[in-house]
Protein backbone atom coordinates (compact mmCIF):
# COMPACT_ATOMS: atom_id res chain seq x y z
CA MET A 1 0.00 0.00 0.00
CA THR A 2 1.37 3.40 -0.98
CA LYS A 3 1.74 6.23 1.50
CA ARG A 4 -1.13 8.09 -0.18
CA ALA A 5 -3.37 5.00 0.03
CA GLU A 6 -2.50 4.63 3.71
CA SER A 7 -3.35 8.30 4.25
CA LEU A 8 -6.70 7.86 2.51
CA THR A 9 -7.53 4.72 4.48
CA ALA A 10 -6.77 6.50 7.73
CA LEU A 11 -8.81 9.53 6.67
CA LEU A 12 -11.83 7.41 5.68
CA THR A 13 -11.65 5.74 9.09
CA GLU A 14 -11.59 9.18 10.72
CA ILE A 15 -14.55 10.33 8.61
CA SER A 16 -16.57 7.22 9.50
CA ALA A 17 -16.29 8.18 13.19
CA CYS A 18 -17.18 11.86 12.63
CA GLN A 19 -19.55 13.39 15.16
CA LEU A 20 -19.15 17.01 14.01
CA CYS A 21 -22.84 17.54 13.19
CA ALA A 22 -24.36 14.92 15.50
CA THR A 23 -26.53 17.41 17.42
CA TYR A 24 -28.10 18.66 14.16
CA LEU A 25 -28.84 15.31 12.51
CA GLN A 26 -32.34 13.92 13.08
CA ASP A 27 -31.21 10.34 12.46
CA GLY A 28 -27.68 10.69 13.86
CA PRO A 29 -24.40 10.61 11.97
CA ARG A 30 -23.64 7.91 9.40
CA PRO A 31 -21.13 9.19 6.83
CA VAL A 32 -21.69 7.58 3.42
CA LEU A 33 -19.01 7.91 0.75
CA GLN A 34 -16.53 5.85 -1.24
CA ALA A 35 -13.07 6.69 -2.55
CA SER A 36 -9.77 5.18 -3.58
CA THR A 37 -6.47 6.75 -4.59
CA SER A 38 -7.02 5.11 -8.00
CA SER A 39 -10.54 6.56 -8.55
CA ARG A 40 -10.80 8.15 -12.00
CA LEU A 41 -14.36 9.49 -11.85
CA LEU A 42 -15.41 11.71 -8.95
CA ILE A 43 -19.11 12.17 -8.17
CA VAL A 44 -19.84 15.12 -5.89
CA SER A 45 -23.49 15.22 -4.91
CA GLN A 46 -25.65 16.83 -2.26
CA ALA A 47 -26.02 14.46 0.72
CA PRO A 48 -27.37 10.96 1.35
CA GLY A 49 -31.13 10.51 1.52
CA ARG A 50 -33.02 8.49 4.10
CA LYS A 51 -32.72 5.16 2.24
CA VAL A 52 -29.00 5.66 1.71
CA HIS A 53 -28.63 6.49 5.39
CA ALA A 54 -30.42 3.25 6.27
CA THR A 55 -28.28 1.07 3.99
CA GLY A 56 -24.97 2.91 4.13
CA ILE A 57 -24.63 2.53 0.34
CA PRO A 58 -24.26 5.71 -1.79
CA PHE A 59 -27.06 6.35 -4.28
CA ASN A 60 -28.83 3.13 -3.27
CA ASP A 61 -32.22 4.54 -4.27
CA VAL A 62 -34.25 5.62 -7.30
CA SER A 63 -31.96 8.64 -7.77
CA GLY A 64 -29.04 6.22 -8.03
CA ASP A 65 -30.87 4.11 -10.59
CA ARG A 66 -31.42 7.19 -12.75
CA LEU A 67 -27.83 8.38 -12.27
CA ARG A 68 -26.42 4.99 -13.31
CA ASN A 69 -28.67 5.13 -16.37
CA TRP A 70 -27.36 8.60 -17.20
CA LEU A 71 -23.79 7.34 -16.85
CA GLY A 72 -24.46 4.19 -18.86
CA ILE A 73 -22.92 1.90 -16.21
CA ASP A 74 -24.13 -0.95 -14.01
CA ARG A 75 -24.17 -1.20 -10.20
CA GLU A 76 -20.98 -3.27 -10.08
CA THR A 77 -19.02 -0.59 -11.92
CA PHE A 78 -20.67 2.22 -9.96
CA TYR A 79 -19.68 0.74 -6.61
CA ASP A 80 -16.09 0.00 -7.62
CA ALA A 81 -14.20 2.60 -5.58
CA GLN A 82 -11.04 1.78 -7.53
CA ARG A 83 -12.73 3.53 -10.46
CA ILE A 84 -15.42 5.79 -8.96
CA ALA A 85 -15.25 8.04 -5.90
CA ILE A 86 -18.52 9.33 -4.42
CA VAL A 87 -17.89 12.30 -2.14
CA PRO A 88 -21.01 14.35 -1.32
CA MET A 89 -21.07 17.88 0.04
CA GLY A 90 -22.53 16.40 3.22
CA PHE A 91 -21.61 12.85 4.16
CA CYS A 92 -24.62 12.26 6.44
CA PHE A 93 -28.36 12.38 5.86
CA PRO A 94 -29.29 15.91 6.97
CA GLY A 95 -32.91 15.08 7.78
CA SER A 96 -36.23 15.92 6.16
CA GLY A 97 -37.82 19.34 5.74
CA ARG A 98 -41.18 20.48 4.43
CA SER A 99 -40.30 20.13 0.75
CA GLY A 100 -37.82 17.25 0.86
CA ASP A 101 -34.43 16.58 2.37
CA LEU A 102 -32.67 19.41 4.18
CA PRO A 103 -29.51 20.91 2.66
CA PRO A 104 -26.19 19.24 3.44
CA ARG A 105 -24.70 20.38 6.72
CA PRO A 106 -22.40 23.37 6.05
CA GLU A 107 -19.64 22.05 8.33
CA CYS A 108 -18.97 18.88 6.36
CA ALA A 109 -17.36 19.84 3.04
CA PRO A 110 -15.08 22.57 4.48
CA THR A 111 -13.88 20.13 7.13
CA TRP A 112 -13.23 17.06 4.99
CA HIS A 113 -12.95 17.98 1.29
CA PRO A 114 -9.63 19.87 1.60
CA ARG A 115 -8.07 16.77 3.16
CA LEU A 116 -9.78 14.16 1.00
CA LEU A 117 -9.91 15.52 -2.54
CA PRO A 118 -6.12 16.10 -2.91
CA LEU A 119 -5.60 12.36 -2.31
CA LEU A 120 -7.68 11.57 -5.42
CA ARG A 121 -4.97 12.45 -7.91
CA HIS A 122 -6.12 10.13 -10.70
CA VAL A 123 -9.53 11.75 -11.13
CA GLN A 124 -10.04 12.71 -14.78
CA LEU A 125 -13.67 13.82 -14.63
CA THR A 126 -15.73 15.32 -11.81
CA LEU A 127 -19.52 15.37 -11.83
CA ALA A 128 -21.11 18.20 -9.83
CA ILE A 129 -24.62 16.93 -9.11
CA GLY A 130 -27.15 19.52 -8.01
CA GLN A 131 -26.87 23.12 -6.86
CA TYR A 132 -24.95 22.49 -3.63
CA ALA A 133 -22.21 20.54 -5.39
CA GLN A 134 -22.07 23.13 -8.16
CA ALA A 135 -21.75 25.94 -5.63
CA GLY A 136 -18.97 24.06 -3.84
CA LEU A 137 -17.00 23.07 -6.93
CA LEU A 138 -17.68 25.88 -9.40
CA GLY A 139 -18.02 28.83 -7.02
CA ASP A 140 -18.29 32.09 -8.97
CA GLN A 141 -18.14 30.19 -12.26
CA ARG A 142 -21.63 28.78 -11.84
CA GLY A 143 -24.69 30.49 -13.27
CA ALA A 144 -27.41 32.35 -11.42
CA SER A 145 -29.58 29.21 -11.49
CA LEU A 146 -29.21 25.49 -12.01
CA THR A 147 -30.44 25.90 -15.57
CA ALA A 148 -27.95 28.68 -16.29
CA THR A 149 -25.12 26.52 -14.96
CA MET A 150 -26.31 23.53 -16.97
CA LEU A 151 -26.50 25.56 -20.18
CA SER A 152 -22.76 26.28 -19.78
CA TRP A 153 -21.92 22.59 -19.37
CA ARG A 154 -19.48 22.50 -22.29
CA GLU A 155 -17.43 25.32 -20.79
CA HIS A 156 -17.28 23.58 -17.41
CA LEU A 157 -16.49 20.22 -19.00
CA ALA A 158 -13.46 21.80 -20.68
CA HIS A 159 -12.13 22.31 -17.14
CA GLY A 160 -12.89 18.74 -16.06
CA VAL A 161 -16.15 19.40 -14.20
CA LEU A 162 -19.53 18.45 -15.62
CA PRO A 163 -22.59 19.90 -13.85
CA LEU A 164 -25.67 17.70 -13.67
CA PRO A 165 -29.12 18.21 -12.20
CA HIS A 166 -29.93 15.96 -9.28
CA PRO A 167 -31.34 12.66 -10.61
CA SER A 168 -34.18 12.76 -8.07
CA PRO A 169 -37.72 12.06 -9.35
CA ARG A 170 -38.52 15.54 -7.99
CA ASN A 171 -36.58 16.95 -10.96
CA GLN A 172 -38.80 15.29 -13.56
CA ALA A 173 -40.40 18.63 -14.43
CA TRP A 174 -36.96 20.21 -15.06
CA LEU A 175 -36.00 17.32 -17.33
CA LYS A 176 -39.23 17.71 -19.33
CA ARG A 177 -38.62 21.46 -19.73
CA ASN A 178 -35.03 20.86 -20.86
CA PRO A 179 -35.07 18.03 -23.44
CA TRP A 180 -31.63 19.12 -24.67
CA PHE A 181 -30.19 17.54 -21.50
CA GLU A 182 -31.00 14.01 -22.66
CA MET A 183 -30.41 14.71 -26.35
CA GLU A 184 -27.15 16.68 -26.16
CA LEU A 185 -25.49 16.24 -22.77
CA LEU A 186 -26.16 12.60 -21.89
CA PRO A 187 -24.45 11.10 -24.98
CA VAL A 188 -21.34 13.19 -24.21
CA LEU A 189 -21.49 12.19 -20.55
CA ARG A 190 -21.69 8.48 -21.36
CA GLU A 191 -18.83 8.73 -23.84
CA ARG A 192 -16.60 10.57 -21.35
CA VAL A 193 -17.42 8.13 -18.57
CA GLN A 194 -16.44 5.20 -20.79
CA GLN A 195 -13.17 6.93 -21.71
CA VAL A 196 -12.35 7.67 -18.06
CA LEU A 197 -13.22 4.23 -16.74
């Protein structure tokens, strides 16, 4: 095991024991992520949902089914950390609000991402899924809305980051209003994912 791999293993162990947001989490802490020093595709999403919290498996829900379809890969490939890292903006389920899941806890990404992401040196493509991930990864380069950011996807992809809407069924209306996403972006996404993996 290389020194970097040892560092990542130790860091993942530290993350798994994190209690930073325990007092704010309705269901308690259960960090859910996957990463390897050899990961070539990085998926940065919002935060685990209730089902993911219960199973401890990233994207183990209908959103994950849609995301895997978008990527053109099966579950076995998706859960191979040697190829794919899944590092949300919040590692724990933040709880439910009136209109769905609460936002990821603001303490999580600033605490862990600066230590974790530099260890993923083989990443060739990063997917920024949803507004929270886009805000965290793109900063001032993102648009004024999710749609504005998505419409600039080619520009972001040129810098190695591809913004995506969240694959939640709640976004069905957005997908219907933006048919170009499936016609133009998804074929490019699938091609790039195959190249990277």
